[in-house]
Amino acid sequence: MKSITFLLLSALVFLQANGQRLPNVQQIGVKLPANVKIDGKATEWNDQMQAYNTTSDISYTMANNNELLYLVIQAKDVNIINTIFGYGFELAIHRGGRKDEKDKIAVTYPLNPNQWANTFRKTDVSGDTAVSAATERMNTNNSKITKLKKLIVSGIPGMDTISVYNDAGILAACQFDIKGVYTVEMAIPLKLLGLKRDSESTFTYHMALTGYVAPKITTVMDMQGNKLPMTPEAEQGIAELNARIYARNPRTDFWGEYTLAK
């Protein structure tokens, strides 16, 4: 009995250690690999991230070289995937280390023009582990995101909604892998952020899954498109629907600090 108890306790300690292996927020600056490609794949990192944030349920690595600030995030839960896919992920940089909006430069990606279309089910990201089935599932998922070619930039004069194929050097891509993991990559030129690697710049960053924001509805319509009065029952129904959508796609966010790697 004692030996069984010891084995169970050892297994528990092992599981706890593995669950706590990654910090909640990245703690060190990381040098960007020379072979990195912004293609929605994390192969350069062997799918090993620097942190796992429990609030947003994403793993991530922030890195840099002389020219770029880079971020890769990964999500496995289908609700988190749908939140990012449908409503976007925002990376905001606060150069002065402050959390005020006037110092904010942000990139939001992907920009999905139809948040209700092509969402993913649990069976779309997990299921039959046979290579042929997993490959087919991956290809089907990736076919849904091929048209996500826009991102939003704020805090940089002259930029707003731009293509991922832009002249500013801001890069972004996303893909599913064969395991059903959703990866998003971004890269922003340091000069656009007002940062220089040789000055060992430290800045505050803010990451957010922007999530569902309930629209303001003042009228309702029937199936023929005729306007109906906004009754208390209709208001309650809309509120309940918004609550259900938000429960699946909530806004989550967290803060951290990063010092550019030499």
C-alpha atoms as a PDB file:
ATOM      1  CA  MET A   1       0.000   0.000   0.000  1.00  0.00           C
ATOM      2  CA  LYS A   2       2.833   2.383   0.870  1.00  0.00           C
ATOM      3  CA  SER A   3       4.540   1.764  -2.461  1.00  0.00           C
ATOM      4  CA  ILE A   4       1.288   2.446  -4.343  1.00  0.00           C
ATOM      5  CA  THR A   5       0.767   5.654  -2.364  1.00  0.00           C
ATOM      6  CA  PHE A   6       4.329   6.731  -3.123  1.00  0.00           C
ATOM      7  CA  LEU A   7       3.846   6.089  -6.838  1.00  0.00           C
ATOM      8  CA  LEU A   8       0.599   8.076  -6.892  1.00  0.00           C
ATOM      9  CA  LEU A   9       2.206  10.993  -5.073  1.00  0.00           C
ATOM     10  CA  SER A  10       5.204  10.874  -7.413  1.00  0.00           C
ATOM     11  CA  ALA A  11       2.895  10.930 -10.429  1.00  0.00           C
ATOM     12  CA  LEU A  12       1.004  13.885  -8.965  1.00  0.00           C
ATOM     13  CA  VAL A  13       4.223  15.812  -8.374  1.00  0.00           C
ATOM     14  CA  PHE A  14       5.313  15.022 -11.942  1.00  0.00           C
ATOM     15  CA  LEU A  15       2.028  16.268 -13.396  1.00  0.00           C
ATOM     16  CA  GLN A  16       2.127  19.421 -11.294  1.00  0.00           C
ATOM     17  CA  ALA A  17       5.720  20.117 -12.312  1.00  0.00           C
ATOM     18  CA  ASN A  18       4.867  19.708 -15.984  1.00  0.00           C
ATOM     19  CA  GLY A  19       1.786  21.895 -15.628  1.00  0.00           C
ATOM     20  CA  GLN A  20       3.884  24.620 -14.029  1.00  0.00           C
ATOM     21  CA  ARG A  21       6.827  24.316 -16.395  1.00  0.00           C
ATOM     22  CA  LEU A  22       5.984  27.451 -18.364  1.00  0.00           C
ATOM     23  CA  PRO A  23       5.559  30.819 -16.614  1.00  0.00           C
ATOM     24  CA  ASN A  24       2.261  32.665 -16.909  1.00  0.00           C
ATOM     25  CA  VAL A  25       4.059  35.602 -18.570  1.00  0.00           C
ATOM     26  CA  GLN A  26       7.322  35.418 -20.545  1.00  0.00           C
ATOM     27  CA  GLN A  27      10.229  36.440 -18.336  1.00  0.00           C
ATOM     28  CA  ILE A  28      13.202  36.819 -20.691  1.00  0.00           C
ATOM     29  CA  GLY A  29      14.095  38.394 -24.030  1.00  0.00           C
ATOM     30  CA  VAL A  30      14.653  35.880 -26.824  1.00  0.00           C
ATOM     31  CA  LYS A  31      16.794  36.156 -29.921  1.00  0.00           C
ATOM     32  CA  LEU A  32      14.835  35.575 -33.128  1.00  0.00           C
ATOM     33  CA  PRO A  33      16.144  32.605 -35.154  1.00  0.00           C
ATOM     34  CA  ALA A  34      17.731  33.542 -38.461  1.00  0.00           C
ATOM     35  CA  ASN A  35      15.543  31.038 -40.327  1.00  0.00           C
ATOM     36  CA  VAL A  36      12.213  32.315 -39.008  1.00  0.00           C
ATOM     37  CA  LYS A  37       9.340  32.613 -41.493  1.00  0.00           C
ATOM     38  CA  ILE A  38       6.051  34.354 -40.841  1.00  0.00           C
ATOM     39  CA  ASP A  39       3.882  31.563 -42.227  1.00  0.00           C
ATOM     40  CA  GLY A  40       1.632  30.543 -39.338  1.00  0.00           C
ATOM     41  CA  LYS A  41       3.890  27.641 -38.387  1.00  0.00           C
ATOM     42  CA  ALA A  42       5.955  27.307 -35.208  1.00  0.00           C
ATOM     43  CA  THR A  43       8.456  24.819 -36.604  1.00  0.00           C
ATOM     44  CA  GLU A  44      11.398  27.132 -35.849  1.00  0.00           C
ATOM     45  CA  TRP A  45      10.549  26.764 -32.159  1.00  0.00           C
ATOM     46  CA  ASN A  46       9.802  23.021 -32.246  1.00  0.00           C
ATOM     47  CA  ASP A  47       6.395  24.091 -30.923  1.00  0.00           C
ATOM     48  CA  GLN A  48       8.028  24.994 -27.581  1.00  0.00           C
ATOM     49  CA  MET A  49       6.775  28.327 -26.257  1.00  0.00           C
ATOM     50  CA  GLN A  50       8.212  30.629 -23.575  1.00  0.00           C
ATOM     51  CA  ALA A  51       4.986  31.082 -21.574  1.00  0.00           C
ATOM     52  CA  TYR A  52       1.481  29.782 -21.136  1.00  0.00           C
ATOM     53  CA  ASN A  53      -1.032  32.389 -19.991  1.00  0.00           C
ATOM     54  CA  THR A  54      -3.846  30.825 -18.006  1.00  0.00           C
ATOM     55  CA  THR A  55      -6.124  33.867 -18.345  1.00  0.00           C
ATOM     56  CA  SER A  56      -6.230  33.759 -22.133  1.00  0.00           C
ATOM     57  CA  ASP A  57      -5.410  30.034 -22.499  1.00  0.00           C
ATOM     58  CA  ILE A  58      -2.662  30.634 -25.056  1.00  0.00           C
ATOM     59  CA  SER A  59       1.004  29.721 -25.251  1.00  0.00           C
ATOM     60  CA  TYR A  60       3.358  32.300 -26.713  1.00  0.00           C
ATOM     61  CA  THR A  61       6.891  33.461 -27.428  1.00  0.00           C
ATOM     62  CA  MET A  62       8.035  37.018 -28.003  1.00  0.00           C
ATOM     63  CA  ALA A  63      11.428  37.481 -29.678  1.00  0.00           C
ATOM     64  CA  ASN A  64      13.452  40.001 -31.645  1.00  0.00           C
ATOM     65  CA  ASN A  65      16.452  40.574 -33.882  1.00  0.00           C
ATOM     66  CA  ASN A  66      18.020  43.850 -35.025  1.00  0.00           C
ATOM     67  CA  GLU A  67      15.003  44.810 -37.088  1.00  0.00           C
ATOM     68  CA  LEU A  68      11.857  43.029 -35.927  1.00  0.00           C
ATOM     69  CA  LEU A  69       9.747  42.423 -32.866  1.00  0.00           C
ATOM     70  CA  TYR A  70       8.166  39.007 -33.303  1.00  0.00           C
ATOM     71  CA  LEU A  71       5.315  37.167 -31.602  1.00  0.00           C
ATOM     72  CA  VAL A  72       3.932  33.664 -32.002  1.00  0.00           C
ATOM     73  CA  ILE A  73       0.881  32.437 -30.108  1.00  0.00           C
ATOM     74  CA  GLN A  74      -0.766  29.026 -30.062  1.00  0.00           C
ATOM     75  CA  ALA A  75      -4.247  27.922 -29.001  1.00  0.00           C
ATOM     76  CA  LYS A  76      -5.709  24.438 -28.644  1.00  0.00           C
ATOM     77  CA  ASP A  77      -9.175  24.983 -27.175  1.00  0.00           C
ATOM     78  CA  VAL A  78     -11.845  25.377 -29.847  1.00  0.00           C
ATOM     79  CA  ASN A  79     -13.544  28.316 -28.079  1.00  0.00           C
ATOM     80  CA  ILE A  80     -10.237  30.190 -27.851  1.00  0.00           C
ATOM     81  CA  ILE A  81      -9.531  29.398 -31.508  1.00  0.00           C
ATOM     82  CA  ASN A  82     -12.945  30.717 -32.539  1.00  0.00           C
ATOM     83  CA  THR A  83     -12.458  33.838 -30.433  1.00  0.00           C
ATOM     84  CA  ILE A  84      -9.161  34.648 -32.158  1.00  0.00           C
ATOM     85  CA  PHE A  85     -10.383  33.596 -35.597  1.00  0.00           C
ATOM     86  CA  GLY A  86     -13.678  35.462 -35.332  1.00  0.00           C
ATOM     87  CA  TYR A  87     -12.768  38.596 -33.390  1.00  0.00           C
ATOM     88  CA  GLY A  88      -9.004  38.975 -33.626  1.00  0.00           C
ATOM     89  CA  PHE A  89      -5.953  38.985 -31.388  1.00  0.00           C
ATOM     90  CA  GLU A  90      -4.376  42.300 -30.398  1.00  0.00           C
ATOM     91  CA  LEU A  91      -0.737  42.926 -29.532  1.00  0.00           C
ATOM     92  CA  ALA A  92      -0.225  46.404 -28.074  1.00  0.00           C
ATOM     93  CA  ILE A  93       3.156  47.967 -27.322  1.00  0.00           C
ATOM     94  CA  HIS A  94       3.547  50.742 -24.732  1.00  0.00           C
ATOM     95  CA  ARG A  95       7.037  52.092 -25.305  1.00  0.00           C
ATOM     96  CA  GLY A  96       7.252  54.131 -22.114  1.00  0.00           C
ATOM     97  CA  GLY A  97       6.314  51.197 -19.923  1.00  0.00           C
ATOM     98  CA  ARG A  98       2.985  52.812 -19.111  1.00  0.00           C
ATOM     99  CA  LYS A  99      -0.506  51.450 -19.507  1.00  0.00           C
ATOM    100  CA  ASP A 100      -2.033  54.596 -20.993  1.00  0.00           C
ATOM    101  CA  GLU A 101      -3.698  54.671 -24.397  1.00  0.00           C
ATOM    102  CA  LYS A 102      -1.750  57.647 -25.786  1.00  0.00           C
ATOM    103  CA  ASP A 103       1.457  55.612 -25.800  1.00  0.00           C
ATOM    104  CA  LYS A 104      -0.124  52.608 -27.510  1.00  0.00           C
ATOM    105  CA  ILE A 105       0.824  51.047 -30.845  1.00  0.00           C
ATOM    106  CA  ALA A 106      -1.265  47.988 -31.626  1.00  0.00           C
ATOM    107  CA  VAL A 107      -1.728  45.373 -34.321  1.00  0.00           C
ATOM    108  CA  THR A 108      -4.911  43.284 -34.429  1.00  0.00           C
ATOM    109  CA  TYR A 109      -4.991  40.126 -36.528  1.00  0.00           C
ATOM    110  CA  PRO A 110      -6.789  38.370 -38.086  1.00  0.00           C
ATOM    111  CA  LEU A 111      -9.543  40.673 -39.287  1.00  0.00           C
ATOM    112  CA  ASN A 112     -12.522  38.482 -40.099  1.00  0.00           C
ATOM    113  CA  PRO A 113     -15.235  40.287 -42.095  1.00  0.00           C
ATOM    114  CA  ASN A 114     -17.776  37.563 -41.309  1.00  0.00           C
ATOM    115  CA  GLN A 115     -17.473  36.511 -37.674  1.00  0.00           C
ATOM    116  CA  TRP A 116     -20.350  34.046 -37.927  1.00  0.00           C
ATOM    117  CA  ALA A 117     -19.045  32.087 -40.902  1.00  0.00           C
ATOM    118  CA  ASN A 118     -16.588  29.199 -40.947  1.00  0.00           C
ATOM    119  CA  THR A 119     -16.319  28.809 -37.191  1.00  0.00           C
ATOM    120  CA  PHE A 120     -14.805  25.590 -35.892  1.00  0.00           C
ATOM    121  CA  ARG A 121     -16.333  22.734 -33.903  1.00  0.00           C
ATOM    122  CA  LYS A 122     -14.535  20.611 -31.352  1.00  0.00           C
ATOM    123  CA  THR A 123     -14.382  17.768 -33.860  1.00  0.00           C
ATOM    124  CA  ASP A 124     -12.577  20.113 -36.278  1.00  0.00           C
ATOM    125  CA  VAL A 125      -9.540  20.365 -33.987  1.00  0.00           C
ATOM    126  CA  SER A 126      -9.523  16.895 -32.407  1.00  0.00           C
ATOM    127  CA  GLY A 127     -10.696  13.428 -33.314  1.00  0.00           C
ATOM    128  CA  ASP A 128      -9.306  10.583 -35.389  1.00  0.00           C
ATOM    129  CA  THR A 129      -5.523  10.621 -34.941  1.00  0.00           C
ATOM    130  CA  ALA A 130      -4.761   8.650 -38.102  1.00  0.00           C
ATOM    131  CA  VAL A 131      -2.403  10.665 -40.302  1.00  0.00           C
ATOM    132  CA  SER A 132      -4.788  10.705 -43.265  1.00  0.00           C
ATOM    133  CA  ALA A 133      -7.743  11.884 -41.161  1.00  0.00           C
ATOM    134  CA  ALA A 134      -5.672  14.479 -39.272  1.00  0.00           C
ATOM    135  CA  THR A 135      -4.204  15.800 -42.527  1.00  0.00           C
ATOM    136  CA  GLU A 136      -7.641  16.118 -44.115  1.00  0.00           C
ATOM    137  CA  ARG A 137      -8.932  17.921 -41.020  1.00  0.00           C
ATOM    138  CA  MET A 138      -5.946  20.303 -41.054  1.00  0.00           C
ATOM    139  CA  ASN A 139      -6.359  21.096 -44.759  1.00  0.00           C
ATOM    140  CA  THR A 140     -10.087  21.717 -44.338  1.00  0.00           C
ATOM    141  CA  ASN A 141      -9.464  24.061 -41.406  1.00  0.00           C
ATOM    142  CA  ASN A 142      -6.759  25.976 -43.240  1.00  0.00           C
ATOM    143  CA  SER A 143      -9.002  26.393 -46.283  1.00  0.00           C
ATOM    144  CA  LYS A 144     -11.307  28.464 -44.065  1.00  0.00           C
ATOM    145  CA  ILE A 145      -8.612  30.989 -43.176  1.00  0.00           C
ATOM    146  CA  THR A 146      -7.024  31.589 -46.568  1.00  0.00           C
ATOM    147  CA  LYS A 147      -9.023  34.800 -47.063  1.00  0.00           C
ATOM    148  CA  LEU A 148      -7.938  36.392 -43.768  1.00  0.00           C
ATOM    149  CA  LYS A 149      -5.506  38.840 -45.329  1.00  0.00           C
ATOM    150  CA  LYS A 150      -6.249  42.025 -43.366  1.00  0.00           C
ATOM    151  CA  LEU A 151      -5.021  43.455 -40.084  1.00  0.00           C
ATOM    152  CA  ILE A 152      -5.679  46.627 -38.101  1.00  0.00           C
ATOM    153  CA  VAL A 153      -2.914  48.998 -37.010  1.00  0.00           C
ATOM    154  CA  SER A 154      -3.478  51.771 -34.475  1.00  0.00           C
ATOM    155  CA  GLY A 155      -1.082  54.345 -33.078  1.00  0.00           C
ATOM    156  CA  ILE A 156       0.978  54.737 -36.267  1.00  0.00           C
ATOM    157  CA  PRO A 157       0.047  57.767 -38.390  1.00  0.00           C
ATOM    158  CA  GLY A 158      -1.324  56.913 -41.819  1.00  0.00           C
ATOM    159  CA  MET A 159      -2.188  53.312 -40.959  1.00  0.00           C
ATOM    160  CA  ASP A 160      -5.509  51.707 -40.157  1.00  0.00           C
ATOM    161  CA  THR A 161      -6.798  48.587 -41.927  1.00  0.00           C
ATOM    162  CA  ILE A 162      -4.053  47.211 -44.151  1.00  0.00           C
ATOM    163  CA  SER A 163      -3.224  44.065 -46.072  1.00  0.00           C
ATOM    164  CA  VAL A 164      -0.767  41.492 -44.749  1.00  0.00           C
ATOM    165  CA  TYR A 165       1.074  42.274 -47.993  1.00  0.00           C
ATOM    166  CA  ASN A 166       1.978  45.826 -46.992  1.00  0.00           C
ATOM    167  CA  ASP A 167       4.917  48.131 -47.629  1.00  0.00           C
ATOM    168  CA  ALA A 168       5.427  48.911 -43.934  1.00  0.00           C
ATOM    169  CA  GLY A 169       6.990  45.538 -43.196  1.00  0.00           C
ATOM    170  CA  ILE A 170       4.297  44.395 -40.747  1.00  0.00           C
ATOM    171  CA  LEU A 171       3.857  40.656 -41.212  1.00  0.00           C
ATOM    172  CA  ALA A 172       1.144  38.270 -40.018  1.00  0.00           C
ATOM    173  CA  ALA A 173       0.005  34.731 -40.779  1.00  0.00           C
ATOM    174  CA  CYS A 174      -2.024  31.950 -39.163  1.00  0.00           C
ATOM    175  CA  GLN A 175      -2.489  28.217 -39.721  1.00  0.00           C
ATOM    176  CA  PHE A 176      -3.606  24.971 -38.145  1.00  0.00           C
ATOM    177  CA  ASP A 177      -1.129  22.141 -37.742  1.00  0.00           C
ATOM    178  CA  ILE A 178      -1.818  18.429 -37.984  1.00  0.00           C
ATOM    179  CA  LYS A 179      -2.487  18.242 -34.225  1.00  0.00           C
ATOM    180  CA  GLY A 180      -5.264  20.832 -34.424  1.00  0.00           C
ATOM    181  CA  VAL A 181      -3.167  23.573 -32.828  1.00  0.00           C
ATOM    182  CA  TYR A 182      -3.906  27.074 -34.151  1.00  0.00           C
ATOM    183  CA  THR A 183      -0.819  29.263 -34.572  1.00  0.00           C
ATOM    184  CA  VAL A 184      -0.713  33.010 -35.175  1.00  0.00           C
ATOM    185  CA  GLU A 185       2.525  34.835 -36.002  1.00  0.00           C
ATOM    186  CA  MET A 186       3.235  38.574 -36.161  1.00  0.00           C
ATOM    187  CA  ALA A 187       6.324  40.655 -36.840  1.00  0.00           C
ATOM    188  CA  ILE A 188       6.592  44.437 -36.546  1.00  0.00           C
ATOM    189  CA  PRO A 189       9.639  46.527 -37.523  1.00  0.00           C
ATOM    190  CA  LEU A 190      11.308  47.991 -34.431  1.00  0.00           C
ATOM    191  CA  LYS A 191      11.582  51.366 -36.143  1.00  0.00           C
ATOM    192  CA  LEU A 192       7.787  51.602 -36.378  1.00  0.00           C
ATOM    193  CA  LEU A 193       7.625  50.999 -32.634  1.00  0.00           C
ATOM    194  CA  GLY A 194      10.334  53.553 -31.842  1.00  0.00           C
ATOM    195  CA  LEU A 195      12.584  50.831 -30.413  1.00  0.00           C
ATOM    196  CA  LYS A 196      16.265  50.116 -30.912  1.00  0.00           C
ATOM    197  CA  ARG A 197      17.868  46.822 -30.009  1.00  0.00           C
ATOM    198  CA  ASP A 198      21.277  48.290 -29.116  1.00  0.00           C
ATOM    199  CA  SER A 199      19.690  50.534 -26.496  1.00  0.00           C
ATOM    200  CA  GLU A 200      18.370  47.486 -24.577  1.00  0.00           C
ATOM    201  CA  SER A 201      14.851  48.919 -24.675  1.00  0.00           C
ATOM    202  CA  THR A 202      12.303  47.662 -22.181  1.00  0.00           C
ATOM    203  CA  PHE A 203       8.627  48.160 -22.864  1.00  0.00           C
ATOM    204  CA  THR A 204       5.235  47.063 -21.581  1.00  0.00           C
ATOM    205  CA  TYR A 205       3.104  44.886 -23.814  1.00  0.00           C
ATOM    206  CA  HIS A 206      -0.572  44.038 -23.669  1.00  0.00           C
ATOM    207  CA  MET A 207      -2.093  40.998 -25.338  1.00  0.00           C
ATOM    208  CA  ALA A 208      -5.847  40.642 -25.761  1.00  0.00           C
ATOM    209  CA  LEU A 209      -8.315  38.248 -27.310  1.00  0.00           C
ATOM    210  CA  THR A 210     -10.702  40.996 -28.319  1.00  0.00           C
ATOM    211  CA  GLY A 211     -13.735  38.731 -28.017  1.00  0.00           C
ATOM    212  CA  TYR A 212     -17.407  39.322 -28.665  1.00  0.00           C
ATOM    213  CA  VAL A 213     -18.848  42.802 -28.214  1.00  0.00           C
ATOM    214  CA  ALA A 214     -22.632  42.846 -28.206  1.00  0.00           C
ATOM    215  CA  PRO A 215     -24.048  45.114 -30.938  1.00  0.00           C
ATOM    216  CA  LYS A 216     -26.609  47.755 -30.020  1.00  0.00           C
ATOM    217  CA  ILE A 217     -29.918  46.541 -31.432  1.00  0.00           C
ATOM    218  CA  THR A 218     -32.834  48.980 -31.518  1.00  0.00           C
ATOM    219  CA  THR A 219     -35.169  47.123 -33.886  1.00  0.00           C
ATOM    220  CA  VAL A 220     -36.035  43.522 -34.629  1.00  0.00           C
ATOM    221  CA  MET A 221     -37.373  42.014 -37.833  1.00  0.00           C
ATOM    222  CA  ASP A 222     -39.444  39.023 -38.817  1.00  0.00           C
ATOM    223  CA  MET A 223     -38.517  36.469 -41.474  1.00  0.00           C
ATOM    224  CA  GLN A 224     -39.943  38.722 -44.213  1.00  0.00           C
ATOM    225  CA  GLY A 225     -37.797  41.683 -43.142  1.00  0.00           C
ATOM    226  CA  ASN A 226     -40.619  43.638 -41.544  1.00  0.00           C
ATOM    227  CA  LYS A 227     -39.735  45.757 -38.514  1.00  0.00           C
ATOM    228  CA  LEU A 228     -41.247  44.687 -35.219  1.00  0.00           C
ATOM    229  CA  PRO A 229     -41.598  46.602 -31.973  1.00  0.00           C
ATOM    230  CA  MET A 230     -38.833  46.100 -29.403  1.00  0.00           C
ATOM    231  CA  THR A 231     -40.764  44.417 -26.617  1.00  0.00           C
ATOM    232  CA  PRO A 232     -39.407  43.458 -23.176  1.00  0.00           C
ATOM    233  CA  GLU A 233     -39.522  39.819 -24.294  1.00  0.00           C
ATOM    234  CA  ALA A 234     -37.433  40.642 -27.380  1.00  0.00           C
ATOM    235  CA  GLU A 235     -34.913  42.578 -25.266  1.00  0.00           C
ATOM    236  CA  GLN A 236     -34.593  39.651 -22.881  1.00  0.00           C
ATOM    237  CA  GLY A 237     -34.101  37.219 -25.757  1.00  0.00           C
ATOM    238  CA  ILE A 238     -31.373  39.390 -27.287  1.00  0.00           C
ATOM    239  CA  ALA A 239     -29.654  39.738 -23.913  1.00  0.00           C
ATOM    240  CA  GLU A 240     -29.691  35.972 -23.402  1.00  0.00           C
ATOM    241  CA  LEU A 241     -28.305  35.376 -26.895  1.00  0.00           C
ATOM    242  CA  ASN A 242     -25.510  37.907 -26.323  1.00  0.00           C
ATOM    243  CA  ALA A 243     -24.662  36.268 -22.995  1.00  0.00           C
ATOM    244  CA  ARG A 244     -24.371  32.840 -24.636  1.00  0.00           C
ATOM    245  CA  ILE A 245     -22.128  34.163 -27.413  1.00  0.00           C
ATOM    246  CA  TYR A 246     -19.938  36.066 -24.953  1.00  0.00           C
ATOM    247  CA  ALA A 247     -19.588  32.982 -22.747  1.00  0.00           C
ATOM    248  CA  ARG A 248     -18.044  31.155 -25.713  1.00  0.00           C
ATOM    249  CA  ASN A 249     -16.008  34.118 -26.992  1.00  0.00           C
ATOM    250  CA  PRO A 250     -15.090  36.347 -24.021  1.00  0.00           C
ATOM    251  CA  ARG A 251     -12.549  39.144 -24.027  1.00  0.00           C
ATOM    252  CA  THR A 252      -9.422  38.177 -22.090  1.00  0.00           C
ATOM    253  CA  ASP A 253      -6.149  40.041 -21.727  1.00  0.00           C
ATOM    254  CA  PHE A 254      -2.891  40.237 -19.814  1.00  0.00           C
ATOM    255  CA  TRP A 255       0.170  42.477 -19.424  1.00  0.00           C
ATOM    256  CA  GLY A 256       3.902  41.840 -19.465  1.00  0.00           C
ATOM    257  CA  GLU A 257       7.292  43.485 -19.898  1.00  0.00           C
ATOM    258  CA  TYR A 258       9.901  42.673 -22.499  1.00  0.00           C
ATOM    259  CA  THR A 259      13.523  43.754 -22.833  1.00  0.00           C
ATOM    260  CA  LEU A 260      14.931  43.493 -26.355  1.00  0.00           C
ATOM    261  CA  ALA A 261      17.435  40.654 -26.586  1.00  0.00           C
ATOM    262  CA  LYS A 262      20.976  41.595 -27.543  1.00  0.00           C
END
